[in-house]
């Protein structure tokens, strides 16, 4: 992974953001958003490789592909919520960031319900 590129872009954008915040806070937020998007596109091919490896791994074990899809959705919600909350925190809106984090947690609970139900049924079957 080319972590030097990711860190370099992050540091350069942080410096630009700090400099632009002197002229207006909204410009710093836009730079932060652009940096996050650019870094996401840099790491996207690596993420695709991880998903491919995990998909191949699940084909070889006896785990339902439905459960693996749920796990991927949970990871997606967690990353998106964290990204949105970070942008809000950068903009000085920590209250909104907290609400995004809460919303992400609730959505993760809703998405994970089939796994929780399956796990509880398994436990009840053993008892």
C-alpha atoms as a PDB file:
ATOM      1  CA  UNK A   1       0.000   0.000   0.000  1.00  0.00           C
ATOM      2  CA  UNK A   2       1.279   3.407  -0.835  1.00  0.00           C
ATOM      3  CA  UNK A   3       0.821   4.889   2.620  1.00  0.00           C
ATOM      4  CA  UNK A   4       3.296   7.660   1.854  1.00  0.00           C
ATOM      5  CA  UNK A   5       0.902   9.049  -0.764  1.00  0.00           C
ATOM      6  CA  UNK A   6      -2.050   8.872   1.612  1.00  0.00           C
ATOM      7  CA  UNK A   7      -0.182  10.556   4.462  1.00  0.00           C
ATOM      8  CA  UNK A   8       1.361  13.133   2.114  1.00  0.00           C
ATOM      9  CA  UNK A   9      -1.998  14.111   0.690  1.00  0.00           C
ATOM     10  CA  UNK A  10      -3.440  14.266   4.191  1.00  0.00           C
ATOM     11  CA  UNK A  11      -0.683  16.527   5.508  1.00  0.00           C
ATOM     12  CA  UNK A  12      -0.712  18.824   2.471  1.00  0.00           C
ATOM     13  CA  UNK A  13      -4.497  19.162   2.590  1.00  0.00           C
ATOM     14  CA  UNK A  14      -4.406  19.786   6.343  1.00  0.00           C
ATOM     15  CA  UNK A  15      -1.944  22.629   5.835  1.00  0.00           C
ATOM     16  CA  UNK A  16      -4.011  24.084   2.996  1.00  0.00           C
ATOM     17  CA  UNK A  17      -7.153  23.752   5.117  1.00  0.00           C
ATOM     18  CA  UNK A  18      -5.581  25.586   8.053  1.00  0.00           C
ATOM     19  CA  UNK A  19      -4.398  28.364   5.754  1.00  0.00           C
ATOM     20  CA  UNK A  20      -7.796  28.703   4.056  1.00  0.00           C
ATOM     21  CA  UNK A  21      -9.709  28.742   7.348  1.00  0.00           C
ATOM     22  CA  UNK A  22      -8.233  32.176   7.958  1.00  0.00           C
ATOM     23  CA  UNK A  23     -10.299  33.455   5.038  1.00  0.00           C
ATOM     24  CA  UNK A  24     -13.405  31.409   5.737  1.00  0.00           C
ATOM     25  CA  UNK A  25     -14.227  28.195   7.549  1.00  0.00           C
ATOM     26  CA  UNK A  26     -16.207  26.814   4.624  1.00  0.00           C
ATOM     27  CA  UNK A  27     -13.130  26.667   2.396  1.00  0.00           C
ATOM     28  CA  UNK A  28     -11.294  24.549   4.959  1.00  0.00           C
ATOM     29  CA  UNK A  29     -14.212  22.130   5.085  1.00  0.00           C
ATOM     30  CA  UNK A  30     -14.229  21.848   1.302  1.00  0.00           C
ATOM     31  CA  UNK A  31     -10.504  21.046   1.278  1.00  0.00           C
ATOM     32  CA  UNK A  32     -11.075  18.448   3.999  1.00  0.00           C
ATOM     33  CA  UNK A  33     -13.893  16.885   2.003  1.00  0.00           C
ATOM     34  CA  UNK A  34     -11.786  16.856  -1.157  1.00  0.00           C
ATOM     35  CA  UNK A  35      -8.865  15.267   0.702  1.00  0.00           C
ATOM     36  CA  UNK A  36     -11.084  12.543   2.127  1.00  0.00           C
ATOM     37  CA  UNK A  37     -12.525  11.796  -1.298  1.00  0.00           C
ATOM     38  CA  UNK A  38      -9.089  11.705  -2.937  1.00  0.00           C
ATOM     39  CA  UNK A  39      -7.693   9.402  -0.258  1.00  0.00           C
ATOM     40  CA  UNK A  40     -10.739   7.145  -0.610  1.00  0.00           C
ATOM     41  CA  UNK A  41     -10.124   6.782  -4.345  1.00  0.00           C
ATOM     42  CA  UNK A  42      -6.453   6.000  -3.695  1.00  0.00           C
ATOM     43  CA  UNK A  43      -7.314   3.168  -1.301  1.00  0.00           C
ATOM     44  CA  UNK A  44     -10.294   1.868  -3.299  1.00  0.00           C
ATOM     45  CA  UNK A  45      -8.267  -0.673  -5.347  1.00  0.00           C
ATOM     46  CA  UNK A  46      -6.817  -2.089  -2.128  1.00  0.00           C
ATOM     47  CA  UNK A  47     -10.288  -2.354  -0.644  1.00  0.00           C
ATOM     48  CA  UNK A  48     -11.493  -4.163  -3.765  1.00  0.00           C
ATOM     49  CA  UNK A  49      -8.656  -6.689  -3.353  1.00  0.00           C
ATOM     50  CA  UNK A  50      -9.622  -7.316   0.269  1.00  0.00           C
ATOM     51  CA  UNK A  51     -13.254  -7.846  -0.697  1.00  0.00           C
ATOM     52  CA  UNK A  52     -12.191 -10.277  -3.425  1.00  0.00           C
ATOM     53  CA  UNK A  53     -10.005 -12.281  -1.021  1.00  0.00           C
ATOM     54  CA  UNK A  54     -12.759 -12.417   1.592  1.00  0.00           C
ATOM     55  CA  UNK A  55     -15.311 -13.461  -1.021  1.00  0.00           C
ATOM     56  CA  UNK A  56     -13.027 -16.273  -2.219  1.00  0.00           C
ATOM     57  CA  UNK A  57     -12.467 -17.321   1.379  1.00  0.00           C
ATOM     58  CA  UNK A  58     -16.177 -17.491   2.110  1.00  0.00           C
ATOM     59  CA  UNK A  59     -16.692 -19.675  -0.957  1.00  0.00           C
ATOM     60  CA  UNK A  60     -14.406 -22.266   0.651  1.00  0.00           C
ATOM     61  CA  UNK A  61     -16.095 -22.328   4.067  1.00  0.00           C
ATOM     62  CA  UNK A  62     -19.643 -23.146   5.055  1.00  0.00           C
ATOM     63  CA  UNK A  63     -20.823 -19.646   5.889  1.00  0.00           C
ATOM     64  CA  UNK A  64     -23.882 -18.230   4.193  1.00  0.00           C
ATOM     65  CA  UNK A  65     -23.068 -15.538   1.674  1.00  0.00           C
ATOM     66  CA  UNK A  66     -25.963 -13.580   3.161  1.00  0.00           C
ATOM     67  CA  UNK A  67     -24.024 -13.177   6.405  1.00  0.00           C
ATOM     68  CA  UNK A  68     -20.894 -12.056   4.595  1.00  0.00           C
ATOM     69  CA  UNK A  69     -22.943  -9.480   2.655  1.00  0.00           C
ATOM     70  CA  UNK A  70     -24.345  -8.197   5.960  1.00  0.00           C
ATOM     71  CA  UNK A  71     -20.834  -7.847   7.384  1.00  0.00           C
ATOM     72  CA  UNK A  72     -19.716  -5.877   4.307  1.00  0.00           C
ATOM     73  CA  UNK A  73     -22.749  -3.588   4.644  1.00  0.00           C
ATOM     74  CA  UNK A  74     -21.969  -3.032   8.323  1.00  0.00           C
ATOM     75  CA  UNK A  75     -18.381  -2.116   7.460  1.00  0.00           C
ATOM     76  CA  UNK A  76     -19.607   0.254   4.756  1.00  0.00           C
ATOM     77  CA  UNK A  77     -22.009   2.002   7.123  1.00  0.00           C
ATOM     78  CA  UNK A  78     -19.288   2.309   9.772  1.00  0.00           C
ATOM     79  CA  UNK A  79     -16.793   3.862   7.355  1.00  0.00           C
ATOM     80  CA  UNK A  80     -19.322   6.237   5.814  1.00  0.00           C
ATOM     81  CA  UNK A  81     -20.605   7.357   9.224  1.00  0.00           C
ATOM     82  CA  UNK A  82     -17.052   7.911  10.459  1.00  0.00           C
ATOM     83  CA  UNK A  83     -16.179   9.913   7.334  1.00  0.00           C
ATOM     84  CA  UNK A  84     -19.293  12.086   7.658  1.00  0.00           C
ATOM     85  CA  UNK A  85     -18.750  12.628  11.373  1.00  0.00           C
ATOM     86  CA  UNK A  86     -15.125  13.596  10.781  1.00  0.00           C
ATOM     87  CA  UNK A  87     -16.135  16.169   8.176  1.00  0.00           C
ATOM     88  CA  UNK A  88     -18.671  17.642  10.594  1.00  0.00           C
ATOM     89  CA  UNK A  89     -16.087  17.756  13.382  1.00  0.00           C
ATOM     90  CA  UNK A  90     -13.670  19.527  11.026  1.00  0.00           C
ATOM     91  CA  UNK A  91     -16.401  22.070  10.351  1.00  0.00           C
ATOM     92  CA  UNK A  92     -16.836  22.611  14.090  1.00  0.00           C
ATOM     93  CA  UNK A  93     -20.209  20.873  14.193  1.00  0.00           C
ATOM     94  CA  UNK A  94     -19.559  18.247  16.856  1.00  0.00           C
ATOM     95  CA  UNK A  95     -23.266  17.987  17.750  1.00  0.00           C
ATOM     96  CA  UNK A  96     -24.133  16.987  14.186  1.00  0.00           C
ATOM     97  CA  UNK A  97     -21.148  14.612  14.142  1.00  0.00           C
ATOM     98  CA  UNK A  98     -22.518  12.904  17.252  1.00  0.00           C
ATOM     99  CA  UNK A  99     -25.901  12.476  15.579  1.00  0.00           C
ATOM    100  CA  UNK A 100     -24.267  10.945  12.504  1.00  0.00           C
ATOM    101  CA  UNK A 101     -22.385   8.509  14.736  1.00  0.00           C
ATOM    102  CA  UNK A 102     -25.599   7.622  16.593  1.00  0.00           C
ATOM    103  CA  UNK A 103     -27.439   7.136  13.305  1.00  0.00           C
ATOM    104  CA  UNK A 104     -24.645   4.879  12.046  1.00  0.00           C
ATOM    105  CA  UNK A 105     -24.819   2.761  15.194  1.00  0.00           C
ATOM    106  CA  UNK A 106     -28.582   2.375  14.924  1.00  0.00           C
ATOM    107  CA  UNK A 107     -28.364   1.448  11.245  1.00  0.00           C
ATOM    108  CA  UNK A 108     -25.668  -1.118  12.073  1.00  0.00           C
ATOM    109  CA  UNK A 109     -27.971  -2.640  14.704  1.00  0.00           C
ATOM    110  CA  UNK A 110     -30.808  -2.839  12.170  1.00  0.00           C
ATOM    111  CA  UNK A 111     -28.573  -4.391   9.501  1.00  0.00           C
ATOM    112  CA  UNK A 112     -27.122  -6.923  11.953  1.00  0.00           C
ATOM    113  CA  UNK A 113     -30.523  -8.129  13.176  1.00  0.00           C
ATOM    114  CA  UNK A 114     -30.554 -11.284  10.976  1.00  0.00           C
ATOM    115  CA  UNK A 115     -27.171 -12.349  12.354  1.00  0.00           C
ATOM    116  CA  UNK A 116     -28.288 -11.703  15.941  1.00  0.00           C
ATOM    117  CA  UNK A 117     -31.521 -13.669  15.407  1.00  0.00           C
ATOM    118  CA  UNK A 118     -29.616 -16.549  13.826  1.00  0.00           C
ATOM    119  CA  UNK A 119     -27.130 -16.574  16.699  1.00  0.00           C
ATOM    120  CA  UNK A 120     -29.898 -16.568  19.322  1.00  0.00           C
ATOM    121  CA  UNK A 121     -31.700 -19.401  17.487  1.00  0.00           C
ATOM    122  CA  UNK A 122     -28.471 -21.377  17.513  1.00  0.00           C
ATOM    123  CA  UNK A 123     -28.083 -20.844  21.266  1.00  0.00           C
ATOM    124  CA  UNK A 124     -31.714 -21.788  21.912  1.00  0.00           C
ATOM    125  CA  UNK A 125     -31.228 -24.925  19.792  1.00  0.00           C
ATOM    126  CA  UNK A 126     -28.303 -25.969  21.959  1.00  0.00           C
ATOM    127  CA  UNK A 127     -30.242 -25.398  25.197  1.00  0.00           C
END
